[in-house]
């Protein structure tokens, strides 16, 4: 998939697909009456199911709503945000967590108003340990002070423990599954793993569902 296809909410904001992302945004905004959702983790059961595309487009539609958004590429196994937004990945989240740089030093502005990008940075040997470190707690405190919404793109939850670790530290989680690709057992197991965390499972995005007029479709459903 090319970058234009990935960022459909930016390139074609009035398209049916973009409207689906806005629907997801609305449902997230109304998903909690007790407290405002300010951090969202986006993951999938396995690789290639569209989690990174979903995270990037959700970041765009929240920014279009006027919120100051930071998209964080926390997939320390296979980072992709720097490709999507045409950025370098020399520094990023990993260099912030290891105290080589400050958040403000490595955050990148995007050509979408209100949206900033924090790329992953060099891939570390210990991703799960970084996710659960005190440095991540400090990072969240600092990021909340500077941004209205944090969106984290993480590795698939069934592949490694990173997503489950970070899910305990954010306000809510969105699970992406791919129509015709994700096995039902895998989707159920992923949901169970996320439900066991402190972070609230906000819902599921069904990706790549074929319709008569489009082969690319998103649906948001409650757990």
Protein backbone atom coordinates (compact mmCIF):
# COMPACT_ATOMS: atom_id res chain seq x y z
CA UNK A 1 0.00 0.00 0.00
CA UNK A 2 1.41 3.41 -0.87
CA UNK A 3 1.59 6.36 1.49
CA UNK A 4 -1.35 8.11 -0.15
CA UNK A 5 -3.53 5.08 0.51
CA UNK A 6 -2.28 4.85 4.07
CA UNK A 7 -3.16 8.46 4.91
CA UNK A 8 -6.55 8.61 3.23
CA UNK A 9 -7.88 10.89 5.99
CA UNK A 10 -5.33 13.48 4.87
CA UNK A 11 -5.41 12.97 1.09
CA UNK A 12 -9.18 12.41 0.75
CA UNK A 13 -10.89 13.62 3.94
CA UNK A 14 -14.41 13.40 2.50
CA UNK A 15 -14.10 9.79 1.30
CA UNK A 16 -16.23 6.98 2.80
CA UNK A 17 -13.13 5.51 4.42
CA UNK A 18 -12.27 8.83 6.06
CA UNK A 19 -15.84 9.06 7.35
CA UNK A 20 -15.40 5.63 8.97
CA UNK A 21 -12.32 6.88 10.79
CA UNK A 22 -14.32 9.88 12.00
CA UNK A 23 -16.98 7.49 13.25
CA UNK A 24 -14.31 5.61 15.20
CA UNK A 25 -13.12 8.93 16.61
CA UNK A 26 -16.66 9.81 17.71
CA UNK A 27 -17.15 6.43 19.38
CA UNK A 28 -13.85 6.79 21.22
CA UNK A 29 -14.82 10.27 22.41
CA UNK A 30 -18.08 8.90 23.84
CA UNK A 31 -16.66 5.60 25.09
CA UNK A 32 -16.01 6.84 28.60
CA UNK A 33 -18.36 9.09 30.54
CA UNK A 34 -16.17 8.97 33.64
CA UNK A 35 -12.97 10.40 32.19
CA UNK A 36 -11.59 11.81 28.99
CA UNK A 37 -9.62 9.38 26.81
CA UNK A 38 -6.21 10.99 26.27
CA UNK A 39 -4.07 8.02 25.27
CA UNK A 40 -4.90 5.19 22.90
CA UNK A 41 -2.93 2.09 22.04
CA UNK A 42 -3.55 0.53 18.62
CA UNK A 43 -2.57 -3.10 18.13
CA UNK A 44 -3.57 -6.24 16.23
CA UNK A 45 -3.52 -9.97 16.79
CA UNK A 46 -0.84 -10.62 14.17
CA UNK A 47 1.25 -8.78 11.57
CA UNK A 48 -0.11 -7.24 8.38
CA UNK A 49 -3.59 -6.50 9.69
CA UNK A 50 -3.50 -2.71 9.32
CA UNK A 51 -2.75 -1.47 12.84
CA UNK A 52 -0.15 1.10 11.75
CA UNK A 53 -2.43 2.48 9.04
CA UNK A 54 -5.28 2.68 11.56
CA UNK A 55 -3.10 4.43 14.15
CA UNK A 56 -1.87 7.01 11.62
CA UNK A 57 -5.34 7.82 10.30
CA UNK A 58 -6.82 8.05 13.79
CA UNK A 59 -4.07 10.51 14.67
CA UNK A 60 -5.00 12.59 11.62
CA UNK A 61 -8.74 12.72 12.37
CA UNK A 62 -8.18 13.64 16.02
CA UNK A 63 -5.85 16.43 14.86
CA UNK A 64 -8.48 17.56 12.36
CA UNK A 65 -10.85 17.89 15.30
CA UNK A 66 -8.51 20.50 16.77
CA UNK A 67 -6.76 18.39 19.36
CA UNK A 68 -2.99 18.58 19.70
CA UNK A 69 -2.00 15.01 18.85
CA UNK A 70 1.22 13.04 19.16
CA UNK A 71 1.49 9.81 17.17
CA UNK A 72 4.07 7.60 18.86
CA UNK A 73 5.66 4.75 16.91
CA UNK A 74 6.17 2.33 19.77
CA UNK A 75 6.52 -0.69 17.50
CA UNK A 76 10.14 -1.28 18.40
CA UNK A 77 10.19 -4.50 16.37
CA UNK A 78 9.09 -3.13 12.99
CA UNK A 79 8.67 0.66 13.05
CA UNK A 80 6.87 2.23 10.08
CA UNK A 81 5.74 5.77 11.01
CA UNK A 82 8.88 7.32 9.54
CA UNK A 83 7.99 5.77 6.18
CA UNK A 84 4.37 6.90 6.36
CA UNK A 85 5.29 10.50 7.14
CA UNK A 86 8.56 10.62 5.16
CA UNK A 87 10.79 11.17 8.18
CA UNK A 88 14.17 9.88 9.31
CA UNK A 89 14.34 7.41 12.17
CA UNK A 90 17.77 8.26 13.57
CA UNK A 91 16.29 9.45 16.87
CA UNK A 92 12.90 8.87 18.47
CA UNK A 93 11.07 7.18 21.33
CA UNK A 94 13.93 4.85 22.18
CA UNK A 95 16.44 7.69 22.49
CA UNK A 96 14.00 9.58 24.74
CA UNK A 97 13.48 6.56 27.00
CA UNK A 98 17.24 5.99 27.25
CA UNK A 99 17.69 9.69 28.09
CA UNK A 100 19.83 10.49 25.05
CA UNK A 101 17.33 13.14 23.92
CA UNK A 102 14.35 15.04 25.29
CA UNK A 103 10.87 14.65 23.85
CA UNK A 104 10.87 18.12 22.34
CA UNK A 105 14.22 17.51 20.63
CA UNK A 106 13.06 14.51 18.60
CA UNK A 107 9.37 15.23 17.97
CA UNK A 108 8.61 15.94 14.31
CA UNK A 109 5.91 18.31 13.04
CA UNK A 110 3.76 16.94 10.21
CA UNK A 111 2.00 18.66 7.34
CA UNK A 112 -1.26 17.98 9.18
CA UNK A 113 -2.15 20.85 11.50
CA UNK A 114 -2.01 19.89 15.21
CA UNK A 115 -0.31 16.53 14.48
CA UNK A 116 3.24 15.71 15.60
CA UNK A 117 5.10 12.46 15.06
CA UNK A 118 7.51 10.67 17.37
CA UNK A 119 9.28 8.00 15.36
CA UNK A 120 10.56 4.85 17.05
CA UNK A 121 14.26 5.59 16.86
CA UNK A 122 16.95 2.87 16.81
CA UNK A 123 15.50 -0.59 17.45
CA UNK A 124 16.61 -1.66 20.96
CA UNK A 125 17.52 -5.16 22.19
CA UNK A 126 14.99 -4.95 25.06
CA UNK A 127 11.69 -3.40 23.83
CA UNK A 128 9.43 -4.89 26.51
CA UNK A 129 11.75 -3.71 29.28
CA UNK A 130 11.72 -0.17 27.88
CA UNK A 131 7.91 -0.24 27.71
CA UNK A 132 7.62 -1.15 31.39
CA UNK A 133 10.42 1.13 32.59
CA UNK A 134 10.16 4.11 34.89
CA UNK A 135 11.35 6.14 31.89
CA UNK A 136 8.09 5.32 30.08
CA UNK A 137 6.11 6.58 33.07
CA UNK A 138 8.08 9.83 32.95
CA UNK A 139 7.57 10.03 29.19
CA UNK A 140 3.79 9.79 29.59
CA UNK A 141 3.73 12.53 32.22
CA UNK A 142 5.72 14.86 29.96
CA UNK A 143 3.72 14.00 26.84
CA UNK A 144 0.38 14.62 28.61
CA UNK A 145 1.58 18.10 29.50
CA UNK A 146 2.34 18.95 25.87
CA UNK A 147 -0.44 17.12 23.98
CA UNK A 148 -4.19 16.53 24.20
CA UNK A 149 -4.07 13.05 22.68
CA UNK A 150 -1.39 10.36 22.47
CA UNK A 151 -1.77 7.52 19.98
CA UNK A 152 0.62 4.57 20.22
CA UNK A 153 1.27 2.11 17.40
CA UNK A 154 2.53 -1.11 19.02
CA UNK A 155 3.59 -4.57 17.82
CA UNK A 156 0.93 -7.29 17.39
CA UNK A 157 -0.16 -8.45 20.82
CA UNK A 158 0.13 -12.18 20.13
CA UNK A 159 3.67 -11.85 18.80
CA UNK A 160 5.39 -10.15 21.76
CA UNK A 161 4.47 -8.72 25.17
CA UNK A 162 5.10 -5.04 24.31
CA UNK A 163 1.47 -4.11 23.60
CA UNK A 164 0.15 -5.82 26.71
CA UNK A 165 2.74 -4.02 28.85
CA UNK A 166 1.90 -0.60 27.40
CA UNK A 167 -1.85 -1.27 27.53
CA UNK A 168 -1.57 -1.13 31.32
CA UNK A 169 -0.36 2.47 31.08
CA UNK A 170 -2.78 4.06 28.60
CA UNK A 171 -6.44 5.05 28.82
CA UNK A 172 -7.75 2.69 26.15
CA UNK A 173 -6.90 0.19 23.44
CA UNK A 174 -8.20 -0.41 19.92
CA UNK A 175 -7.76 -3.87 18.40
CA UNK A 176 -7.45 -4.09 14.61
CA UNK A 177 -8.46 -7.30 12.83
CA UNK A 178 -8.36 -7.98 9.10
CA UNK A 179 -11.39 -9.45 7.38
CA UNK A 180 -10.52 -12.79 5.82
CA UNK A 181 -7.03 -12.76 7.33
CA UNK A 182 -7.26 -12.76 11.11
CA UNK A 183 -8.18 -16.16 12.48
CA UNK A 184 -11.14 -16.09 14.87
CA UNK A 185 -9.19 -17.89 17.59
CA UNK A 186 -6.38 -15.36 17.31
CA UNK A 187 -8.79 -12.43 17.52
CA UNK A 188 -10.48 -13.92 20.59
CA UNK A 189 -7.14 -14.56 22.29
CA UNK A 190 -5.96 -11.02 21.52
CA UNK A 191 -9.18 -9.59 22.98
CA UNK A 192 -8.79 -11.69 26.12
CA UNK A 193 -5.20 -10.53 26.60
CA UNK A 194 -6.22 -6.89 26.23
CA UNK A 195 -9.22 -7.31 28.51
CA UNK A 196 -6.90 -8.56 31.25
CA UNK A 197 -4.94 -5.29 31.25
CA UNK A 198 -5.74 -2.12 33.18
CA UNK A 199 -6.33 -0.22 29.95
CA UNK A 200 -9.89 -0.25 28.69
CA UNK A 201 -10.56 -2.16 25.46
CA UNK A 202 -12.49 0.49 23.53
CA UNK A 203 -13.48 -1.67 20.58
CA UNK A 204 -12.43 -3.48 17.43
CA UNK A 205 -11.71 -2.12 13.95
CA UNK A 206 -12.55 -4.52 11.13
CA UNK A 207 -10.15 -3.78 8.30
CA UNK A 208 -10.26 -4.76 4.61
CA UNK A 209 -13.89 -5.75 4.53
CA UNK A 210 -15.01 -5.84 0.92
CA UNK A 211 -18.08 -3.88 -0.15
CA UNK A 212 -19.52 -3.26 -3.60
CA UNK A 213 -18.04 0.20 -3.94
CA UNK A 214 -14.78 -0.19 -2.03
CA UNK A 215 -12.35 -2.88 -0.99
CA UNK A 216 -11.12 -0.92 1.98
CA UNK A 217 -13.48 -0.45 4.87
CA UNK A 218 -13.40 0.10 8.59
CA UNK A 219 -16.00 -0.84 11.13
CA UNK A 220 -15.97 -0.05 14.80
CA UNK A 221 -17.63 -2.42 17.23
CA UNK A 222 -17.83 -2.59 20.96
CA UNK A 223 -16.21 -5.55 22.61
